[in-house]
Amino acid sequence: MKISLRRIVPVLLLAVFVMGLFVVGLDVGRTRAALAHFEPLAFVTGCALAFANYLLRFVKWEFYLARLGVRGVPKLESLLVFFSGFVLTVTPGKVGEVFKSVVLEERRGVPVARTGPIVLAERLTDVVGIVVLIALGTLGFSGGGLWAVLGTAAVVVGLAVVSSDRAMEFGFVAVGRTRFSALVPKLRVAYESLRVLVAPSALLVPSVVSVVAWFLECIAVWEILRGFGVDASVALCTFFYATSTLIGALVPVPGGLGITEGLLQEQMVRLGGIELGTATAAMILVRLATLWFAVLVGFVAYGLLGLSKPPSRSGASHDAAA
């Protein structure tokens, strides 16, 4: 395959560096003491729940490929291609997951401009799912409405921009006046794909899948806290994880690093009444299970694709956008 891991490693090293800076500021002694009393099986369960999240999101990937008329990709290969996108999940808003479209083009000849917009559609429906979970998580207490409003506003603005031909045409003209003018034809193809993916008829199924998928990771938070002997409610854990995930996605930093960790830890302490050392240890394990485990899965999937014989680039078909 033509894609070099040497281009990916610097991004991951930057993410590790940012995470390292955050960890350095933690109370290592109290965190270590909390980890000494942790039940390891809870972490394994958390990773299993995160993996179930990935499988459900693969269902969205297949749904979007079908909407775009991309056919002929075997399910196992498609699964590995989808997982390979996790290699760059530690990018702002996870936009680096467009890597899976690059891999698909390398193997099947389907243009990145055709399938790349799937990442944007995924993020929109993920935000919808997260907002629903925030609303459900805040039923037991007040103070969570602001985050739900912010997430809803982000979705509305995104859909409004995509639905505005005038706004997009203005953008194409602006790009056409720069040295990147050669990209305009590909941007138009990408825009047509995006319009298909975010049409009203294409929003319901992926949004429902997103609610279930991200709820599984909320349950992972609940399970990990149980491993520390903390009896937090599922609703509260849902609110912890959904709000920190949303803010981490909206702030343009790689993988929400620093933002998601800080908010998750703070809410465990402030809203959940969890001891600081335990909250810190739980936060680290949650991020290992829900972020870095995904990166590991991505590398394994990408490696398996590299070991397999590349199929014919004409092995998949893709219709014009409707």
C-alpha atoms as a PDB file:
ATOM      1  CA  MET A   1       0.000   0.000   0.000  1.00  0.00           C
ATOM      2  CA  LYS A   2       1.239   3.484  -0.801  1.00  0.00           C
ATOM      3  CA  ILE A   3       0.276   5.081   2.511  1.00  0.00           C
ATOM      4  CA  SER A   4       3.316   5.368   4.796  1.00  0.00           C
ATOM      5  CA  LEU A   5       3.031   4.950   8.546  1.00  0.00           C
ATOM      6  CA  ARG A   6       5.880   7.447   8.850  1.00  0.00           C
ATOM      7  CA  ARG A   7       3.354  10.184   8.053  1.00  0.00           C
ATOM      8  CA  ILE A   8       1.047   8.956  10.820  1.00  0.00           C
ATOM      9  CA  VAL A   9       3.492   8.472  13.686  1.00  0.00           C
ATOM     10  CA  PRO A  10       4.243  12.224  14.183  1.00  0.00           C
ATOM     11  CA  VAL A  11       0.540  12.889  14.751  1.00  0.00           C
ATOM     12  CA  LEU A  12       0.373  10.138  17.358  1.00  0.00           C
ATOM     13  CA  LEU A  13       3.558  11.345  19.049  1.00  0.00           C
ATOM     14  CA  LEU A  14       2.050  14.827  19.333  1.00  0.00           C
ATOM     15  CA  ALA A  15      -1.084  13.352  20.895  1.00  0.00           C
ATOM     16  CA  VAL A  16       0.989  11.309  23.364  1.00  0.00           C
ATOM     17  CA  PHE A  17       2.999  14.427  24.251  1.00  0.00           C
ATOM     18  CA  VAL A  18      -0.182  16.411  24.975  1.00  0.00           C
ATOM     19  CA  MET A  19      -1.535  13.542  27.076  1.00  0.00           C
ATOM     20  CA  GLY A  20       1.794  13.335  28.880  1.00  0.00           C
ATOM     21  CA  LEU A  21       1.679  17.014  29.796  1.00  0.00           C
ATOM     22  CA  PHE A  22      -1.768  16.471  31.276  1.00  0.00           C
ATOM     23  CA  VAL A  23      -0.737  13.408  33.278  1.00  0.00           C
ATOM     24  CA  VAL A  24       2.340  15.148  34.691  1.00  0.00           C
ATOM     25  CA  GLY A  25       0.044  17.559  36.520  1.00  0.00           C
ATOM     26  CA  LEU A  26      -1.873  14.775  38.275  1.00  0.00           C
ATOM     27  CA  ASP A  27      -1.502  13.616  41.862  1.00  0.00           C
ATOM     28  CA  VAL A  28       0.450  10.457  41.044  1.00  0.00           C
ATOM     29  CA  GLY A  29       0.463   9.118  44.611  1.00  0.00           C
ATOM     30  CA  ARG A  30      -3.304   9.209  45.115  1.00  0.00           C
ATOM     31  CA  THR A  31      -3.911   7.918  41.595  1.00  0.00           C
ATOM     32  CA  ARG A  32      -1.567   4.977  42.141  1.00  0.00           C
ATOM     33  CA  ALA A  33      -3.272   4.166  45.436  1.00  0.00           C
ATOM     34  CA  ALA A  34      -6.680   4.107  43.733  1.00  0.00           C
ATOM     35  CA  LEU A  35      -5.396   1.852  40.944  1.00  0.00           C
ATOM     36  CA  ALA A  36      -4.057  -0.602  43.537  1.00  0.00           C
ATOM     37  CA  HIS A  37      -7.662  -1.391  44.537  1.00  0.00           C
ATOM     38  CA  PHE A  38      -9.068  -1.573  40.999  1.00  0.00           C
ATOM     39  CA  GLU A  39     -10.690  -4.730  39.616  1.00  0.00           C
ATOM     40  CA  PRO A  40      -8.920  -5.365  36.229  1.00  0.00           C
ATOM     41  CA  LEU A  41     -11.888  -7.236  34.757  1.00  0.00           C
ATOM     42  CA  ALA A  42     -13.820  -3.944  34.739  1.00  0.00           C
ATOM     43  CA  PHE A  43     -11.261  -2.462  32.322  1.00  0.00           C
ATOM     44  CA  VAL A  44     -11.529  -5.508  30.048  1.00  0.00           C
ATOM     45  CA  THR A  45     -15.311  -5.088  30.066  1.00  0.00           C
ATOM     46  CA  GLY A  46     -14.891  -1.388  29.267  1.00  0.00           C
ATOM     47  CA  CYS A  47     -12.743  -2.228  26.232  1.00  0.00           C
ATOM     48  CA  ALA A  48     -15.311  -4.826  25.109  1.00  0.00           C
ATOM     49  CA  LEU A  49     -18.079  -2.215  25.316  1.00  0.00           C
ATOM     50  CA  ALA A  50     -15.922   0.240  23.359  1.00  0.00           C
ATOM     51  CA  PHE A  51     -15.349  -2.430  20.691  1.00  0.00           C
ATOM     52  CA  ALA A  52     -19.110  -2.964  20.468  1.00  0.00           C
ATOM     53  CA  ASN A  53     -19.355   0.786  19.865  1.00  0.00           C
ATOM     54  CA  TYR A  54     -16.957   0.424  16.918  1.00  0.00           C
ATOM     55  CA  LEU A  55     -19.011  -2.413  15.439  1.00  0.00           C
ATOM     56  CA  LEU A  56     -22.197  -0.359  15.594  1.00  0.00           C
ATOM     57  CA  ARG A  57     -20.446   2.599  13.969  1.00  0.00           C
ATOM     58  CA  PHE A  58     -19.345   0.194  11.220  1.00  0.00           C
ATOM     59  CA  VAL A  59     -23.057  -0.299  10.542  1.00  0.00           C
ATOM     60  CA  LYS A  60     -23.222   3.459   9.831  1.00  0.00           C
ATOM     61  CA  TRP A  61     -20.224   3.194   7.493  1.00  0.00           C
ATOM     62  CA  GLU A  62     -21.976   0.449   5.523  1.00  0.00           C
ATOM     63  CA  PHE A  63     -25.194   2.476   5.487  1.00  0.00           C
ATOM     64  CA  TYR A  64     -23.377   5.490   4.061  1.00  0.00           C
ATOM     65  CA  LEU A  65     -21.516   3.440   1.444  1.00  0.00           C
ATOM     66  CA  ALA A  66     -24.867   2.047   0.306  1.00  0.00           C
ATOM     67  CA  ARG A  67     -26.339   5.572   0.131  1.00  0.00           C
ATOM     68  CA  LEU A  68     -23.466   6.592  -2.120  1.00  0.00           C
ATOM     69  CA  GLY A  69     -23.873   3.534  -4.324  1.00  0.00           C
ATOM     70  CA  VAL A  70     -20.472   2.049  -3.404  1.00  0.00           C
ATOM     71  CA  ARG A  71     -20.731  -1.710  -3.958  1.00  0.00           C
ATOM     72  CA  GLY A  72     -18.521  -4.743  -4.301  1.00  0.00           C
ATOM     73  CA  VAL A  73     -16.421  -4.332  -1.120  1.00  0.00           C
ATOM     74  CA  PRO A  74     -16.471  -7.585   0.923  1.00  0.00           C
ATOM     75  CA  LYS A  75     -17.783  -7.042   4.452  1.00  0.00           C
ATOM     76  CA  LEU A  76     -14.606  -8.200   6.211  1.00  0.00           C
ATOM     77  CA  GLU A  77     -12.435  -5.952   4.068  1.00  0.00           C
ATOM     78  CA  SER A  78     -14.854  -3.072   4.594  1.00  0.00           C
ATOM     79  CA  LEU A  79     -14.683  -3.673   8.367  1.00  0.00           C
ATOM     80  CA  LEU A  80     -10.872  -3.538   8.319  1.00  0.00           C
ATOM     81  CA  VAL A  81     -10.935  -0.420   6.141  1.00  0.00           C
ATOM     82  CA  PHE A  82     -13.336   1.220   8.599  1.00  0.00           C
ATOM     83  CA  PHE A  83     -11.221   0.252  11.600  1.00  0.00           C
ATOM     84  CA  SER A  84      -8.076   1.551   9.874  1.00  0.00           C
ATOM     85  CA  GLY A  85      -9.564   5.038  10.157  1.00  0.00           C
ATOM     86  CA  PHE A  86      -9.038   4.822  13.929  1.00  0.00           C
ATOM     87  CA  VAL A  87      -5.294   5.186  13.350  1.00  0.00           C
ATOM     88  CA  LEU A  88      -5.894   8.944  13.101  1.00  0.00           C
ATOM     89  CA  THR A  89      -8.750   9.227  15.576  1.00  0.00           C
ATOM     90  CA  VAL A  90      -6.579  11.566  17.687  1.00  0.00           C
ATOM     91  CA  THR A  91      -7.178  14.491  15.323  1.00  0.00           C
ATOM     92  CA  PRO A  92      -9.451  17.520  15.885  1.00  0.00           C
ATOM     93  CA  GLY A  93     -13.058  16.340  15.565  1.00  0.00           C
ATOM     94  CA  LYS A  94     -11.659  12.949  14.439  1.00  0.00           C
ATOM     95  CA  VAL A  95     -11.473  14.325  10.886  1.00  0.00           C
ATOM     96  CA  GLY A  96      -8.351  12.218  10.431  1.00  0.00           C
ATOM     97  CA  GLU A  97     -10.679   9.249  10.131  1.00  0.00           C
ATOM     98  CA  VAL A  98     -10.935  10.225   6.465  1.00  0.00           C
ATOM     99  CA  PHE A  99      -7.857   7.975   6.355  1.00  0.00           C
ATOM    100  CA  LYS A 100     -10.257   5.073   5.819  1.00  0.00           C
ATOM    101  CA  SER A 101     -11.397   6.714   2.581  1.00  0.00           C
ATOM    102  CA  VAL A 102      -7.768   6.970   1.501  1.00  0.00           C
ATOM    103  CA  VAL A 103      -7.307   3.260   2.219  1.00  0.00           C
ATOM    104  CA  LEU A 104     -10.502   2.434   0.306  1.00  0.00           C
ATOM    105  CA  GLU A 105      -9.251   4.371  -2.712  1.00  0.00           C
ATOM    106  CA  GLU A 106      -5.901   2.580  -2.573  1.00  0.00           C
ATOM    107  CA  ARG A 107      -7.570  -0.822  -2.495  1.00  0.00           C
ATOM    108  CA  ARG A 108     -10.716  -0.335  -4.554  1.00  0.00           C
ATOM    109  CA  GLY A 109     -10.229   2.826  -6.580  1.00  0.00           C
ATOM    110  CA  VAL A 110     -13.195   4.633  -5.033  1.00  0.00           C
ATOM    111  CA  PRO A 111     -12.218   8.359  -5.004  1.00  0.00           C
ATOM    112  CA  VAL A 112     -11.607   9.942  -1.611  1.00  0.00           C
ATOM    113  CA  ALA A 113     -13.753  12.876  -2.730  1.00  0.00           C
ATOM    114  CA  ARG A 114     -16.629  10.404  -3.023  1.00  0.00           C
ATOM    115  CA  THR A 115     -16.446   8.788   0.428  1.00  0.00           C
ATOM    116  CA  GLY A 116     -14.511  11.366   2.463  1.00  0.00           C
ATOM    117  CA  PRO A 117     -17.716  13.277   3.346  1.00  0.00           C
ATOM    118  CA  ILE A 118     -18.834  10.183   5.267  1.00  0.00           C
ATOM    119  CA  VAL A 119     -16.615  11.414   8.126  1.00  0.00           C
ATOM    120  CA  LEU A 120     -18.572  14.677   8.326  1.00  0.00           C
ATOM    121  CA  ALA A 121     -21.893  12.833   8.230  1.00  0.00           C
ATOM    122  CA  GLU A 122     -20.633  10.508  10.973  1.00  0.00           C
ATOM    123  CA  ARG A 123     -19.674  13.448  13.157  1.00  0.00           C
ATOM    124  CA  LEU A 124     -23.033  15.156  12.666  1.00  0.00           C
ATOM    125  CA  THR A 125     -25.008  12.061  13.620  1.00  0.00           C
ATOM    126  CA  ASP A 126     -22.572  11.323  16.466  1.00  0.00           C
ATOM    127  CA  VAL A 127     -23.305  14.774  17.880  1.00  0.00           C
ATOM    128  CA  VAL A 128     -27.025  14.076  17.549  1.00  0.00           C
ATOM    129  CA  GLY A 129     -26.551  10.850  19.509  1.00  0.00           C
ATOM    130  CA  ILE A 130     -24.416  12.554  22.158  1.00  0.00           C
ATOM    131  CA  VAL A 131     -26.974  15.360  22.594  1.00  0.00           C
ATOM    132  CA  VAL A 132     -29.722  12.778  23.149  1.00  0.00           C
ATOM    133  CA  LEU A 133     -27.562  11.049  25.760  1.00  0.00           C
ATOM    134  CA  ILE A 134     -26.835  14.356  27.503  1.00  0.00           C
ATOM    135  CA  ALA A 135     -30.565  15.042  27.644  1.00  0.00           C
ATOM    136  CA  LEU A 136     -31.211  11.585  29.108  1.00  0.00           C
ATOM    137  CA  GLY A 137     -28.289  11.847  31.514  1.00  0.00           C
ATOM    138  CA  THR A 138     -29.439  15.169  32.905  1.00  0.00           C
ATOM    139  CA  LEU A 139     -32.932  13.931  33.808  1.00  0.00           C
ATOM    140  CA  GLY A 140     -31.820  13.209  37.359  1.00  0.00           C
ATOM    141  CA  PHE A 141     -30.368  16.645  38.089  1.00  0.00           C
ATOM    142  CA  SER A 142     -30.185  20.185  36.751  1.00  0.00           C
ATOM    143  CA  GLY A 143     -27.315  21.932  34.997  1.00  0.00           C
ATOM    144  CA  GLY A 144     -26.849  19.821  31.894  1.00  0.00           C
ATOM    145  CA  GLY A 145     -29.132  21.712  29.547  1.00  0.00           C
ATOM    146  CA  LEU A 146     -26.380  24.083  28.367  1.00  0.00           C
ATOM    147  CA  TRP A 147     -24.320  21.287  26.841  1.00  0.00           C
ATOM    148  CA  ALA A 148     -27.347  19.855  25.058  1.00  0.00           C
ATOM    149  CA  VAL A 149     -28.114  23.317  23.634  1.00  0.00           C
ATOM    150  CA  LEU A 150     -24.519  23.731  22.432  1.00  0.00           C
ATOM    151  CA  GLY A 151     -24.562  20.347  20.721  1.00  0.00           C
ATOM    152  CA  THR A 152     -27.923  20.998  19.105  1.00  0.00           C
ATOM    153  CA  ALA A 153     -26.691  24.371  17.845  1.00  0.00           C
ATOM    154  CA  ALA A 154     -23.627  22.705  16.302  1.00  0.00           C
ATOM    155  CA  VAL A 155     -25.815  20.199  14.439  1.00  0.00           C
ATOM    156  CA  VAL A 156     -28.238  22.879  13.233  1.00  0.00           C
ATOM    157  CA  VAL A 157     -25.420  25.113  11.989  1.00  0.00           C
ATOM    158  CA  GLY A 158     -23.746  22.198  10.236  1.00  0.00           C
ATOM    159  CA  LEU A 159     -26.924  21.115   8.480  1.00  0.00           C
ATOM    160  CA  ALA A 160     -27.744  24.718   7.540  1.00  0.00           C
ATOM    161  CA  VAL A 161     -24.353  25.229   5.898  1.00  0.00           C
ATOM    162  CA  VAL A 162     -24.522  21.949   4.001  1.00  0.00           C
ATOM    163  CA  SER A 163     -28.080  22.672   2.841  1.00  0.00           C
ATOM    164  CA  SER A 164     -27.228  26.153   1.558  1.00  0.00           C
ATOM    165  CA  ASP A 165     -26.202  25.982  -2.099  1.00  0.00           C
ATOM    166  CA  ARG A 166     -25.420  29.700  -1.993  1.00  0.00           C
ATOM    167  CA  ALA A 167     -23.033  29.326   0.954  1.00  0.00           C
ATOM    168  CA  MET A 168     -21.249  26.373  -0.610  1.00  0.00           C
ATOM    169  CA  GLU A 169     -21.000  28.089  -4.009  1.00  0.00           C
ATOM    170  CA  PHE A 170     -19.476  31.113  -2.271  1.00  0.00           C
ATOM    171  CA  GLY A 171     -16.938  28.769  -0.709  1.00  0.00           C
ATOM    172  CA  PHE A 172     -16.107  27.142  -4.048  1.00  0.00           C
ATOM    173  CA  VAL A 173     -15.582  30.546  -5.667  1.00  0.00           C
ATOM    174  CA  ALA A 174     -13.360  31.639  -2.772  1.00  0.00           C
ATOM    175  CA  VAL A 175     -11.209  28.527  -3.049  1.00  0.00           C
ATOM    176  CA  GLY A 176     -11.094  28.982  -6.835  1.00  0.00           C
ATOM    177  CA  ARG A 177      -9.330  32.310  -6.341  1.00  0.00           C
ATOM    178  CA  THR A 178      -6.515  30.757  -4.329  1.00  0.00           C
ATOM    179  CA  ARG A 179      -3.618  28.509  -5.261  1.00  0.00           C
ATOM    180  CA  PHE A 180      -5.841  25.573  -4.302  1.00  0.00           C
ATOM    181  CA  SER A 181      -8.202  26.191  -7.230  1.00  0.00           C
ATOM    182  CA  ALA A 182      -7.418  22.743  -8.677  1.00  0.00           C
ATOM    183  CA  LEU A 183      -9.279  21.225  -5.709  1.00  0.00           C
ATOM    184  CA  VAL A 184     -12.618  22.818  -6.636  1.00  0.00           C
ATOM    185  CA  PRO A 185     -13.846  19.930  -8.855  1.00  0.00           C
ATOM    186  CA  LYS A 186     -13.111  17.419  -6.074  1.00  0.00           C
ATOM    187  CA  LEU A 187     -14.770  19.672  -3.518  1.00  0.00           C
ATOM    188  CA  ARG A 188     -17.903  19.766  -5.663  1.00  0.00           C
ATOM    189  CA  VAL A 189     -17.941  15.954  -5.822  1.00  0.00           C
ATOM    190  CA  ALA A 190     -17.502  15.818  -2.049  1.00  0.00           C
ATOM    191  CA  TYR A 191     -20.326  18.294  -1.557  1.00  0.00           C
ATOM    192  CA  GLU A 192     -22.715  16.247  -3.705  1.00  0.00           C
ATOM    193  CA  SER A 193     -21.885  13.168  -1.634  1.00  0.00           C
ATOM    194  CA  LEU A 194     -22.417  15.089   1.600  1.00  0.00           C
ATOM    195  CA  ARG A 195     -25.822  16.313   0.432  1.00  0.00           C
ATOM    196  CA  VAL A 196     -26.856  12.687  -0.114  1.00  0.00           C
ATOM    197  CA  LEU A 197     -25.564  11.631   3.300  1.00  0.00           C
ATOM    198  CA  VAL A 198     -27.276  14.355   5.340  1.00  0.00           C
ATOM    199  CA  ALA A 199     -30.605  14.351   3.537  1.00  0.00           C
ATOM    200  CA  PRO A 200     -33.526  13.991   5.998  1.00  0.00           C
ATOM    201  CA  SER A 201     -34.121  10.409   4.867  1.00  0.00           C
ATOM    202  CA  ALA A 202     -30.504   9.526   5.746  1.00  0.00           C
ATOM    203  CA  LEU A 203     -30.399  11.025   9.243  1.00  0.00           C
ATOM    204  CA  LEU A 204     -32.715   8.831  11.318  1.00  0.00           C
ATOM    205  CA  VAL A 205     -31.008   5.427  11.107  1.00  0.00           C
ATOM    206  CA  PRO A 206     -27.425   6.679  11.711  1.00  0.00           C
ATOM    207  CA  SER A 207     -28.610   8.917  14.559  1.00  0.00           C
ATOM    208  CA  VAL A 208     -30.355   6.028  16.327  1.00  0.00           C
ATOM    209  CA  VAL A 209     -27.267   3.866  15.846  1.00  0.00           C
ATOM    210  CA  SER A 210     -25.152   6.687  17.300  1.00  0.00           C
ATOM    211  CA  VAL A 211     -27.315   6.891  20.432  1.00  0.00           C
ATOM    212  CA  VAL A 212     -26.904   3.160  21.099  1.00  0.00           C
ATOM    213  CA  ALA A 213     -23.213   3.085  20.145  1.00  0.00           C
ATOM    214  CA  TRP A 214     -22.151   5.961  22.372  1.00  0.00           C
ATOM    215  CA  PHE A 215     -24.363   4.746  25.214  1.00  0.00           C
ATOM    216  CA  LEU A 216     -22.222   1.599  25.275  1.00  0.00           C
ATOM    217  CA  GLU A 217     -19.174   3.745  26.058  1.00  0.00           C
ATOM    218  CA  CYS A 218     -21.154   5.528  28.763  1.00  0.00           C
ATOM    219  CA  ILE A 219     -21.784   2.091  30.251  1.00  0.00           C
ATOM    220  CA  ALA A 220     -18.018   1.505  30.009  1.00  0.00           C
ATOM    221  CA  VAL A 221     -17.507   4.524  32.298  1.00  0.00           C
ATOM    222  CA  TRP A 222     -20.060   3.084  34.738  1.00  0.00           C
ATOM    223  CA  GLU A 223     -18.326  -0.309  34.647  1.00  0.00           C
ATOM    224  CA  ILE A 224     -14.857   1.166  35.231  1.00  0.00           C
ATOM    225  CA  LEU A 225     -16.128   3.193  38.197  1.00  0.00           C
ATOM    226  CA  ARG A 226     -17.644   0.005  39.594  1.00  0.00           C
ATOM    227  CA  GLY A 227     -14.171  -1.502  39.332  1.00  0.00           C
ATOM    228  CA  PHE A 228     -13.100   1.116  41.872  1.00  0.00           C
ATOM    229  CA  GLY A 229     -16.070   0.320  44.081  1.00  0.00           C
ATOM    230  CA  VAL A 230     -17.874   3.543  43.147  1.00  0.00           C
ATOM    231  CA  ASP A 231     -21.655   3.189  42.959  1.00  0.00           C
ATOM    232  CA  ALA A 232     -22.514   5.962  40.457  1.00  0.00           C
ATOM    233  CA  SER A 233     -25.794   5.832  38.540  1.00  0.00           C
ATOM    234  CA  VAL A 234     -25.865   4.982  34.836  1.00  0.00           C
ATOM    235  CA  ALA A 235     -27.546   8.349  34.156  1.00  0.00           C
ATOM    236  CA  LEU A 236     -24.758  10.241  35.889  1.00  0.00           C
ATOM    237  CA  CYS A 237     -22.049   8.277  34.062  1.00  0.00           C
ATOM    238  CA  THR A 238     -23.872   8.967  30.797  1.00  0.00           C
ATOM    239  CA  PHE A 239     -23.799  12.678  31.545  1.00  0.00           C
ATOM    240  CA  PHE A 240     -20.099  12.571  32.516  1.00  0.00           C
ATOM    241  CA  TYR A 241     -19.023  10.869  29.326  1.00  0.00           C
ATOM    242  CA  ALA A 242     -21.433  12.505  26.868  1.00  0.00           C
ATOM    243  CA  THR A 243     -20.655  16.071  27.908  1.00  0.00           C
ATOM    244  CA  SER A 244     -16.878  15.582  28.009  1.00  0.00           C
ATOM    245  CA  THR A 245     -16.986  13.831  24.617  1.00  0.00           C
ATOM    246  CA  LEU A 246     -19.068  16.613  23.079  1.00  0.00           C
ATOM    247  CA  ILE A 247     -16.838  19.430  24.303  1.00  0.00           C
ATOM    248  CA  GLY A 248     -13.734  17.475  23.287  1.00  0.00           C
ATOM    249  CA  ALA A 249     -15.189  17.134  19.785  1.00  0.00           C
ATOM    250  CA  LEU A 250     -16.187  20.804  19.459  1.00  0.00           C
ATOM    251  CA  VAL A 251     -12.838  22.209  20.642  1.00  0.00           C
ATOM    252  CA  PRO A 252     -10.248  21.952  17.800  1.00  0.00           C
ATOM    253  CA  VAL A 253      -7.557  19.955  19.595  1.00  0.00           C
ATOM    254  CA  PRO A 254      -6.328  16.439  18.665  1.00  0.00           C
ATOM    255  CA  GLY A 255      -8.767  13.864  20.021  1.00  0.00           C
ATOM    256  CA  GLY A 256     -10.046  16.394  22.553  1.00  0.00           C
ATOM    257  CA  LEU A 257      -6.833  15.731  24.497  1.00  0.00           C
ATOM    258  CA  GLY A 258      -6.652  17.668  27.728  1.00  0.00           C
ATOM    259  CA  ILE A 259     -10.183  19.036  27.302  1.00  0.00           C
ATOM    260  CA  THR A 260     -12.055  15.743  27.519  1.00  0.00           C
ATOM    261  CA  GLU A 261      -9.823  14.412  30.309  1.00  0.00           C
ATOM    262  CA  GLY A 262     -10.114  17.565  32.397  1.00  0.00           C
ATOM    263  CA  LEU A 263     -13.884  17.842  32.084  1.00  0.00           C
ATOM    264  CA  LEU A 264     -14.438  14.131  32.737  1.00  0.00           C
ATOM    265  CA  GLN A 265     -12.317  14.240  35.875  1.00  0.00           C
ATOM    266  CA  GLU A 266     -13.860  17.501  37.118  1.00  0.00           C
ATOM    267  CA  GLN A 267     -17.428  16.262  36.719  1.00  0.00           C
ATOM    268  CA  MET A 268     -16.668  13.004  38.517  1.00  0.00           C
ATOM    269  CA  VAL A 269     -15.395  15.012  41.479  1.00  0.00           C
ATOM    270  CA  ARG A 270     -17.841  17.934  41.430  1.00  0.00           C
ATOM    271  CA  LEU A 271     -21.073  16.222  40.405  1.00  0.00           C
ATOM    272  CA  GLY A 272     -20.385  12.634  41.408  1.00  0.00           C
ATOM    273  CA  GLY A 273     -18.647  13.329  44.701  1.00  0.00           C
ATOM    274  CA  ILE A 274     -15.888  10.902  43.736  1.00  0.00           C
ATOM    275  CA  GLU A 275     -12.548  11.185  45.552  1.00  0.00           C
ATOM    276  CA  LEU A 276      -9.952  12.985  43.385  1.00  0.00           C
ATOM    277  CA  GLY A 277      -7.453  10.124  43.168  1.00  0.00           C
ATOM    278  CA  THR A 278     -10.178   7.667  42.148  1.00  0.00           C
ATOM    279  CA  ALA A 279     -11.662  10.116  39.636  1.00  0.00           C
ATOM    280  CA  THR A 280      -8.237  10.656  38.073  1.00  0.00           C
ATOM    281  CA  ALA A 281      -7.487   6.940  37.831  1.00  0.00           C
ATOM    282  CA  ALA A 282     -10.944   6.273  36.383  1.00  0.00           C
ATOM    283  CA  MET A 283     -10.499   9.053  33.830  1.00  0.00           C
ATOM    284  CA  ILE A 284      -7.185   7.570  32.656  1.00  0.00           C
ATOM    285  CA  LEU A 285      -8.673   4.094  32.272  1.00  0.00           C
ATOM    286  CA  VAL A 286     -11.749   5.445  30.482  1.00  0.00           C
ATOM    287  CA  ARG A 287      -9.556   7.253  27.958  1.00  0.00           C
ATOM    288  CA  LEU A 288      -7.378   4.182  27.475  1.00  0.00           C
ATOM    289  CA  ALA A 289     -10.471   2.071  26.813  1.00  0.00           C
ATOM    290  CA  THR A 290     -12.343   4.541  24.601  1.00  0.00           C
ATOM    291  CA  LEU A 291      -9.581   6.446  22.771  1.00  0.00           C
ATOM    292  CA  TRP A 292      -6.236   4.667  22.770  1.00  0.00           C
ATOM    293  CA  PHE A 293      -7.796   1.228  22.414  1.00  0.00           C
ATOM    294  CA  ALA A 294      -9.385   2.535  19.192  1.00  0.00           C
ATOM    295  CA  VAL A 295      -5.966   3.620  17.913  1.00  0.00           C
ATOM    296  CA  LEU A 296      -4.617   0.128  18.669  1.00  0.00           C
ATOM    297  CA  VAL A 297      -7.542  -1.465  16.818  1.00  0.00           C
ATOM    298  CA  GLY A 298      -6.834   0.860  13.886  1.00  0.00           C
ATOM    299  CA  PHE A 299      -3.192  -0.192  13.642  1.00  0.00           C
ATOM    300  CA  VAL A 300      -4.077  -3.884  13.851  1.00  0.00           C
ATOM    301  CA  ALA A 301      -6.710  -3.503  11.114  1.00  0.00           C
ATOM    302  CA  TYR A 302      -4.342  -1.512   8.907  1.00  0.00           C
ATOM    303  CA  GLY A 303      -1.641  -4.126   9.415  1.00  0.00           C
ATOM    304  CA  LEU A 304      -4.006  -6.943   8.450  1.00  0.00           C
ATOM    305  CA  LEU A 305      -4.958  -5.074   5.286  1.00  0.00           C
ATOM    306  CA  GLY A 306      -1.278  -4.649   4.475  1.00  0.00           C
ATOM    307  CA  LEU A 307      -0.741  -8.404   4.789  1.00  0.00           C
ATOM    308  CA  SER A 308      -3.593  -9.226   2.433  1.00  0.00           C
ATOM    309  CA  LYS A 309      -3.221  -9.150  -1.328  1.00  0.00           C
ATOM    310  CA  PRO A 310      -4.526  -5.832  -2.711  1.00  0.00           C
ATOM    311  CA  PRO A 311      -7.622  -6.514  -4.845  1.00  0.00           C
ATOM    312  CA  SER A 312      -8.258  -5.076  -8.264  1.00  0.00           C
ATOM    313  CA  ARG A 313      -8.929  -1.331  -8.078  1.00  0.00           C
ATOM    314  CA  SER A 314     -11.986  -1.997 -10.228  1.00  0.00           C
ATOM    315  CA  GLY A 315     -13.353  -4.405  -7.627  1.00  0.00           C
ATOM    316  CA  ALA A 316     -15.913  -1.886  -6.370  1.00  0.00           C
ATOM    317  CA  SER A 317     -18.493   0.177  -8.181  1.00  0.00           C
ATOM    318  CA  HIS A 318     -19.870   3.565  -7.229  1.00  0.00           C
ATOM    319  CA  ASP A 319     -22.898   5.218  -8.752  1.00  0.00           C
ATOM    320  CA  ALA A 320     -23.353   8.916  -9.201  1.00  0.00           C
ATOM    321  CA  ALA A 321     -24.842  10.747  -6.242  1.00  0.00           C
ATOM    322  CA  ALA A 322     -28.605  10.959  -6.307  1.00  0.00           C
END
